[in-house]
């Protein structure tokens, strides 16, 4: 039989993920992709509580804060172009109201921090080894630029709070506000070695899965994107070598670059994986970390998902009510058979439809 691609061999990992696991996916938007697939299939999971994070230092800062949470206050925000933002968070947390911005940030932080100390698996996806530092002499008040005014949220006056900080998101501020730097392998490994030791001192049973996002950052140029990815790959390999009994590497980057190298596996921007590619990498992730018993449960969940996605031609027909009743019975049977599954939301959806 002819092989039409170079197949990436991935050995079954010693790390097992089950429906009893408590997981967190954190990092680039690829963490969102696979994390959402796991959430869809009813795993106990938290995905990117700070929003999408790209560089290893920002991911480390987020994990450090989850380990020792401190609620954000208004002085932690800045106001730019009509909205309040946090340099530690993705733009999805930004808001025209400082109070609403803080509410979203702190609710996500409190929820994730509660889970962080008791989670069984941490899946980390680095996207780029480039970081943006706020310039040391950058004053954040009354700075006029083509895109608007930048001022601290609380006091409306200059603050040194942000000076030198590595930002998780630039929020479209002018490039003149930042220094652009490529992290070294040693910087990443040193930072993450200290962080992992701290996490394991609190949660010694935690297993960590590293991966590198296959999404290319071409704004740095094709060559420097490769330098960046190589830096991340070398860093993660050193960490896996240092902690072989507690960490694992999943080759998402290699799967996309080699097995799925054809542009038909990319979205319209030709940078992000398509839905087909995400589905394939998700299947390979399951093959690597999920055991047979859990896969059997997963198949039952997939059957339930298909039933929940069913759109009847006549919602008030007797046939549809019978279908809904059978689906509700399936949910109750699954919950009885696997009491650690949380299907209460799905149960309420079906019950509400039966009451219509």
Protein backbone atom coordinates (compact mmCIF):
# COMPACT_ATOMS: atom_id res chain seq x y z
CA UNK A 1 0.00 0.00 0.00
CA UNK A 2 1.36 3.42 -0.98
CA UNK A 3 2.01 5.94 1.81
CA UNK A 4 0.88 9.43 0.83
CA UNK A 5 2.45 11.21 3.79
CA UNK A 6 5.24 10.79 6.29
CA UNK A 7 3.56 9.21 9.29
CA UNK A 8 4.68 10.51 12.70
CA UNK A 9 5.07 7.66 15.17
CA UNK A 10 3.86 8.66 18.64
CA UNK A 11 4.35 6.01 21.34
CA UNK A 12 1.60 5.51 23.92
CA UNK A 13 2.44 7.78 26.84
CA UNK A 14 2.87 6.68 30.45
CA UNK A 15 0.55 9.60 31.29
CA UNK A 16 -3.10 8.56 31.26
CA UNK A 17 -6.01 10.97 30.87
CA UNK A 18 -9.40 9.69 32.03
CA UNK A 19 -12.82 11.14 32.76
CA UNK A 20 -11.77 11.34 36.41
CA UNK A 21 -8.85 13.61 35.49
CA UNK A 22 -8.89 17.34 36.21
CA UNK A 23 -7.11 19.16 33.42
CA UNK A 24 -6.03 22.64 32.47
CA UNK A 25 -4.95 23.68 28.97
CA UNK A 26 -3.00 26.92 28.88
CA UNK A 27 -1.08 28.75 26.16
CA UNK A 28 -1.60 29.57 22.51
CA UNK A 29 -4.87 29.34 20.57
CA UNK A 30 -3.92 25.76 19.76
CA UNK A 31 -4.50 25.04 23.48
CA UNK A 32 -7.99 26.47 22.89
CA UNK A 33 -8.52 24.13 19.92
CA UNK A 34 -7.70 20.87 21.70
CA UNK A 35 -9.01 22.05 25.06
CA UNK A 36 -12.40 22.83 23.55
CA UNK A 37 -12.50 19.37 21.96
CA UNK A 38 -12.02 17.87 25.43
CA UNK A 39 -14.64 20.16 26.92
CA UNK A 40 -17.05 19.19 24.14
CA UNK A 41 -16.48 15.56 25.10
CA UNK A 42 -17.28 16.31 28.77
CA UNK A 43 -13.84 16.06 30.33
CA UNK A 44 -13.29 18.05 33.54
CA UNK A 45 -11.24 20.87 32.07
CA UNK A 46 -10.32 24.54 32.34
CA UNK A 47 -9.05 26.25 29.19
CA UNK A 48 -6.94 29.42 29.10
CA UNK A 49 -8.26 31.29 32.16
CA UNK A 50 -6.23 34.35 31.05
CA UNK A 51 -7.23 33.94 27.42
CA UNK A 52 -4.78 32.98 24.70
CA UNK A 53 -1.13 33.38 25.79
CA UNK A 54 1.72 32.99 23.34
CA UNK A 55 5.12 33.19 25.01
CA UNK A 56 6.61 30.99 27.78
CA UNK A 57 7.13 33.86 30.24
CA UNK A 58 3.52 35.02 30.08
CA UNK A 59 2.28 31.45 30.49
CA UNK A 60 4.61 31.11 33.50
CA UNK A 61 3.30 34.37 35.00
CA UNK A 62 -0.28 33.13 34.64
CA UNK A 63 0.54 29.80 36.32
CA UNK A 64 2.37 31.60 39.13
CA UNK A 65 -0.68 33.75 39.78
CA UNK A 66 -2.96 30.70 39.74
CA UNK A 67 -0.71 29.09 42.34
CA UNK A 68 -0.81 32.19 44.59
CA UNK A 69 -3.81 34.20 43.40
CA UNK A 70 -4.12 37.95 43.99
CA UNK A 71 -7.21 39.65 42.66
CA UNK A 72 -6.71 42.37 40.08
CA UNK A 73 -7.59 45.98 40.94
CA UNK A 74 -8.22 48.98 38.75
CA UNK A 75 -4.61 50.14 38.89
CA UNK A 76 -3.65 46.86 37.17
CA UNK A 77 -5.55 48.02 34.08
CA UNK A 78 -4.82 50.67 31.50
CA UNK A 79 -7.21 52.60 29.28
CA UNK A 80 -6.53 52.71 25.56
CA UNK A 81 -8.61 53.43 22.51
CA UNK A 82 -11.88 53.50 24.45
CA UNK A 83 -11.36 50.27 26.43
CA UNK A 84 -9.76 48.98 29.62
CA UNK A 85 -7.13 46.28 29.19
CA UNK A 86 -4.76 44.10 31.20
CA UNK A 87 -1.26 43.34 29.96
CA UNK A 88 -1.59 39.84 31.46
CA UNK A 89 -4.79 38.98 29.57
CA UNK A 90 -6.10 38.42 26.09
CA UNK A 91 -8.33 41.06 24.53
CA UNK A 92 -11.47 39.02 25.22
CA UNK A 93 -11.30 40.36 28.80
CA UNK A 94 -11.08 44.01 27.68
CA UNK A 95 -14.15 46.17 28.22
CA UNK A 96 -15.42 49.72 27.98
CA UNK A 97 -16.09 49.50 31.73
CA UNK A 98 -13.22 49.03 34.20
CA UNK A 99 -15.60 47.26 36.59
CA UNK A 100 -16.80 44.80 33.96
CA UNK A 101 -13.23 44.17 32.82
CA UNK A 102 -12.13 43.41 36.40
CA UNK A 103 -15.18 41.23 37.01
CA UNK A 104 -14.37 39.01 34.03
CA UNK A 105 -10.69 38.82 34.97
CA UNK A 106 -11.24 38.04 38.66
CA UNK A 107 -14.08 35.55 38.17
CA UNK A 108 -11.92 33.57 35.76
CA UNK A 109 -8.94 33.81 38.13
CA UNK A 110 -10.89 32.63 41.19
CA UNK A 111 -12.44 29.69 39.36
CA UNK A 112 -9.16 28.54 37.79
CA UNK A 113 -7.12 29.02 40.98
CA UNK A 114 -9.50 26.75 42.89
CA UNK A 115 -8.82 23.99 40.37
CA UNK A 116 -5.11 24.63 39.90
CA UNK A 117 -3.87 23.12 43.16
CA UNK A 118 -5.91 19.95 42.67
CA UNK A 119 -5.60 19.38 38.94
CA UNK A 120 -4.12 16.13 37.69
CA UNK A 121 -2.84 17.32 34.29
CA UNK A 122 -1.45 20.60 32.98
CA UNK A 123 -1.17 20.85 29.18
CA UNK A 124 1.08 23.72 28.09
CA UNK A 125 1.30 25.05 24.53
CA UNK A 126 3.98 27.61 23.68
CA UNK A 127 3.39 29.63 20.52
CA UNK A 128 6.45 31.86 20.17
CA UNK A 129 9.78 32.47 21.88
CA UNK A 130 9.56 36.19 21.11
CA UNK A 131 8.42 38.51 23.90
CA UNK A 132 7.46 42.17 24.09
CA UNK A 133 8.81 44.20 27.03
CA UNK A 134 7.30 47.54 27.90
CA UNK A 135 10.12 50.02 27.61
CA UNK A 136 11.68 51.14 30.88
CA UNK A 137 11.04 54.82 30.12
CA UNK A 138 7.50 54.27 28.86
CA UNK A 139 5.10 56.60 30.70
CA UNK A 140 1.51 55.53 30.29
CA UNK A 141 -0.23 58.89 30.64
CA UNK A 142 -1.31 61.36 28.00
CA UNK A 143 0.74 59.59 25.32
CA UNK A 144 -0.80 60.58 22.02
CA UNK A 145 -0.49 58.32 19.02
CA UNK A 146 -2.41 57.63 15.85
CA UNK A 147 -4.61 55.05 17.59
CA UNK A 148 -5.66 56.95 20.70
CA UNK A 149 -4.67 57.90 24.22
CA UNK A 150 -3.04 55.54 26.71
CA UNK A 151 -3.60 56.22 30.42
CA UNK A 152 -3.58 54.12 33.59
CA UNK A 153 -7.10 53.11 34.52
CA UNK A 154 -7.21 54.29 38.13
CA UNK A 155 -5.25 57.45 38.83
CA UNK A 156 -5.11 58.93 35.34
CA UNK A 157 -1.48 59.81 35.90
CA UNK A 158 1.91 58.33 35.11
CA UNK A 159 2.82 54.98 36.62
CA UNK A 160 5.98 52.88 36.71
CA UNK A 161 3.89 49.77 37.40
CA UNK A 162 4.30 48.41 33.88
CA UNK A 163 7.90 49.36 33.20
CA UNK A 164 9.97 46.47 31.86
CA UNK A 165 7.10 44.03 32.10
CA UNK A 166 6.80 41.20 29.57
CA UNK A 167 3.29 41.59 28.23
CA UNK A 168 1.01 38.74 27.26
CA UNK A 169 -0.80 40.93 24.76
CA UNK A 170 0.13 44.30 23.26
CA UNK A 171 -3.53 45.23 22.66
CA UNK A 172 -2.49 46.98 19.42
CA UNK A 173 -0.41 49.63 21.20
CA UNK A 174 2.24 51.26 18.99
CA UNK A 175 5.45 49.26 18.52
CA UNK A 176 7.41 52.20 19.97
CA UNK A 177 6.11 51.26 23.43
CA UNK A 178 7.91 47.90 23.40
CA UNK A 179 11.24 46.18 23.07
CA UNK A 180 11.04 42.99 20.99
CA UNK A 181 13.28 40.13 22.12
CA UNK A 182 13.90 36.46 21.40
CA UNK A 183 14.13 34.37 24.58
CA UNK A 184 16.99 31.94 24.93
CA UNK A 185 16.59 28.26 25.69
CA UNK A 186 18.31 28.78 29.05
CA UNK A 187 15.90 31.57 30.02
CA UNK A 188 12.87 29.40 29.30
CA UNK A 189 14.23 26.26 30.97
CA UNK A 190 15.37 28.18 34.08
CA UNK A 191 12.01 29.94 34.47
CA UNK A 192 9.98 26.79 33.99
CA UNK A 193 12.21 24.59 36.15
CA UNK A 194 11.66 26.92 39.10
CA UNK A 195 7.93 27.16 38.38
CA UNK A 196 7.42 23.41 38.05
CA UNK A 197 9.32 22.78 41.29
CA UNK A 198 7.02 25.26 43.04
CA UNK A 199 3.90 23.69 41.57
CA UNK A 200 4.99 20.17 42.48
CA UNK A 201 5.73 21.26 46.05
CA UNK A 202 1.98 21.94 46.32
CA UNK A 203 0.65 19.32 43.88
CA UNK A 204 3.22 16.47 43.66
CA UNK A 205 0.97 14.18 41.60
CA UNK A 206 0.57 16.65 38.74
CA UNK A 207 1.52 15.45 35.26
CA UNK A 208 2.60 18.03 32.66
CA UNK A 209 2.24 17.70 28.89
CA UNK A 210 4.26 20.11 26.76
CA UNK A 211 3.52 20.93 23.16
CA UNK A 212 4.50 23.58 20.61
CA UNK A 213 1.78 25.33 18.64
CA UNK A 214 1.87 24.56 14.90
CA UNK A 215 0.53 28.04 14.15
CA UNK A 216 3.20 30.12 12.42
CA UNK A 217 3.96 33.67 13.57
CA UNK A 218 4.91 35.14 10.21
CA UNK A 219 4.93 38.73 11.45
CA UNK A 220 8.43 37.85 12.69
CA UNK A 221 9.33 36.60 9.21
CA UNK A 222 9.46 33.00 8.00
CA UNK A 223 13.09 32.45 9.04
CA UNK A 224 12.69 33.94 12.52
CA UNK A 225 9.48 31.98 13.03
CA UNK A 226 11.56 28.84 12.54
CA UNK A 227 14.20 30.12 14.97
CA UNK A 228 11.43 30.79 17.48
CA UNK A 229 9.87 27.34 17.10
CA UNK A 230 13.30 25.69 17.35
CA UNK A 231 13.93 27.57 20.60
CA UNK A 232 10.63 26.31 22.02
CA UNK A 233 11.29 22.73 20.88
CA UNK A 234 14.75 22.70 22.47
CA UNK A 235 13.42 24.20 25.70
CA UNK A 236 10.59 21.72 26.04
CA UNK A 237 12.89 18.79 25.29
CA UNK A 238 15.27 19.92 28.03
CA UNK A 239 12.38 20.14 30.49
CA UNK A 240 11.10 16.68 29.54
CA UNK A 241 14.62 15.27 29.89
CA UNK A 242 14.95 16.93 33.30
CA UNK A 243 11.60 15.60 34.59
CA UNK A 244 11.07 12.33 32.67
CA UNK A 245 8.65 10.82 35.22
CA UNK A 246 6.37 13.83 35.41
CA UNK A 247 6.35 15.36 31.95
CA UNK A 248 5.65 14.38 28.36
CA UNK A 249 5.94 15.98 24.94
CA UNK A 250 3.16 15.77 22.37
CA UNK A 251 4.29 16.53 18.77
CA UNK A 252 1.43 18.74 17.56
CA UNK A 253 3.90 20.95 15.68
CA UNK A 254 5.44 17.95 13.90
CA UNK A 255 2.04 16.53 12.97
CA UNK A 256 0.99 19.78 11.32
CA UNK A 257 4.31 20.50 9.61
CA UNK A 258 4.83 16.98 8.29
CA UNK A 259 1.74 14.78 8.12
CA UNK A 260 -0.61 17.71 7.41
CA UNK A 261 1.76 19.88 5.41
CA UNK A 262 -0.76 20.38 2.56
CA UNK A 263 -2.57 23.75 2.56
CA UNK A 264 -5.94 21.98 2.45
CA UNK A 265 -5.37 21.39 6.18
CA UNK A 266 -5.14 25.12 6.88
CA UNK A 267 -7.80 27.73 7.53
CA UNK A 268 -8.36 30.64 5.15
CA UNK A 269 -5.47 32.64 6.64
CA UNK A 270 -3.10 29.79 5.67
CA UNK A 271 -1.62 29.92 9.19
CA UNK A 272 -4.11 28.27 11.54
CA UNK A 273 -5.11 24.59 11.32
CA UNK A 274 -8.45 23.86 9.70
CA UNK A 275 -11.23 22.02 11.54
CA UNK A 276 -10.14 18.83 9.81
CA UNK A 277 -6.56 19.29 11.03
CA UNK A 278 -7.70 20.02 14.61
CA UNK A 279 -9.88 16.91 14.52
CA UNK A 280 -6.96 14.78 13.32
CA UNK A 281 -4.52 16.11 15.93
CA UNK A 282 -7.19 15.65 18.60
CA UNK A 283 -7.53 11.98 17.56
CA UNK A 284 -3.76 11.51 17.78
CA UNK A 285 -3.78 13.17 21.23
CA UNK A 286 -6.45 10.70 22.34
CA UNK A 287 -4.43 7.76 20.97
CA UNK A 288 -1.41 8.97 22.95
CA UNK A 289 -2.95 9.74 26.34
CA UNK A 290 -6.38 8.10 26.59
CA UNK A 291 -6.80 4.43 27.53
CA UNK A 292 -9.29 1.96 26.05
CA UNK A 293 -11.84 2.24 28.86
CA UNK A 294 -11.93 6.02 28.54
CA UNK A 295 -12.20 5.75 24.75
CA UNK A 296 -15.27 3.54 25.18
CA UNK A 297 -16.89 6.21 27.34
CA UNK A 298 -15.85 8.84 24.81
CA UNK A 299 -17.69 6.95 22.06
CA UNK A 300 -20.85 6.99 24.17
CA UNK A 301 -20.41 10.73 24.72
CA UNK A 302 -19.97 11.26 20.96
CA UNK A 303 -23.25 9.44 20.38
CA UNK A 304 -24.92 11.74 22.90
CA UNK A 305 -23.38 14.82 21.24
CA UNK A 306 -24.82 13.74 17.89
CA UNK A 307 -28.24 13.36 19.50
CA UNK A 308 -28.02 16.81 21.10
CA UNK A 309 -27.06 18.34 17.73
CA UNK A 310 -30.08 16.77 16.01
CA UNK A 311 -32.36 19.38 14.40
CA UNK A 312 -35.86 17.96 13.78
CA UNK A 313 -38.03 19.05 10.86
CA UNK A 314 -41.00 19.27 13.21
CA UNK A 315 -39.95 20.06 16.81
CA UNK A 316 -43.48 19.47 18.22
CA UNK A 317 -44.07 16.11 16.56
CA UNK A 318 -44.62 12.93 18.58
CA UNK A 319 -41.58 11.41 16.88
CA UNK A 320 -39.34 14.23 18.12
CA UNK A 321 -40.75 14.01 21.67
CA UNK A 322 -39.99 10.31 21.64
CA UNK A 323 -36.46 11.03 20.40
CA UNK A 324 -35.96 13.62 23.18
CA UNK A 325 -37.26 11.17 25.81
CA UNK A 326 -34.83 8.52 24.58
CA UNK A 327 -31.97 11.03 24.67
CA UNK A 328 -32.89 12.04 28.24
CA UNK A 329 -32.93 8.38 29.22
CA UNK A 330 -29.49 7.95 27.63
CA UNK A 331 -28.16 10.88 29.71
CA UNK A 332 -29.55 9.41 32.95
CA UNK A 333 -28.05 6.01 32.15
CA UNK A 334 -24.65 7.56 31.45
CA UNK A 335 -24.74 9.52 34.71
CA UNK A 336 -25.68 6.42 36.67
CA UNK A 337 -23.02 4.30 34.94
CA UNK A 338 -20.32 7.00 35.22
CA UNK A 339 -21.21 9.21 38.21
CA UNK A 340 -18.08 11.34 37.71
CA UNK A 341 -19.48 12.66 34.40
CA UNK A 342 -21.20 16.05 34.56
CA UNK A 343 -24.16 16.04 32.19
CA UNK A 344 -26.54 18.22 34.20
CA UNK A 345 -26.48 20.99 31.56
CA UNK A 346 -27.45 18.56 28.80
CA UNK A 347 -30.16 17.06 30.99
CA UNK A 348 -31.71 20.51 31.59
CA UNK A 349 -31.64 21.29 27.86
CA UNK A 350 -33.59 18.14 27.00
CA UNK A 351 -36.06 18.61 29.87
CA UNK A 352 -36.77 22.19 28.77
CA UNK A 353 -37.43 21.02 25.21
CA UNK A 354 -39.84 18.36 26.48
CA UNK A 355 -41.74 21.04 28.41
CA UNK A 356 -42.24 23.27 25.36
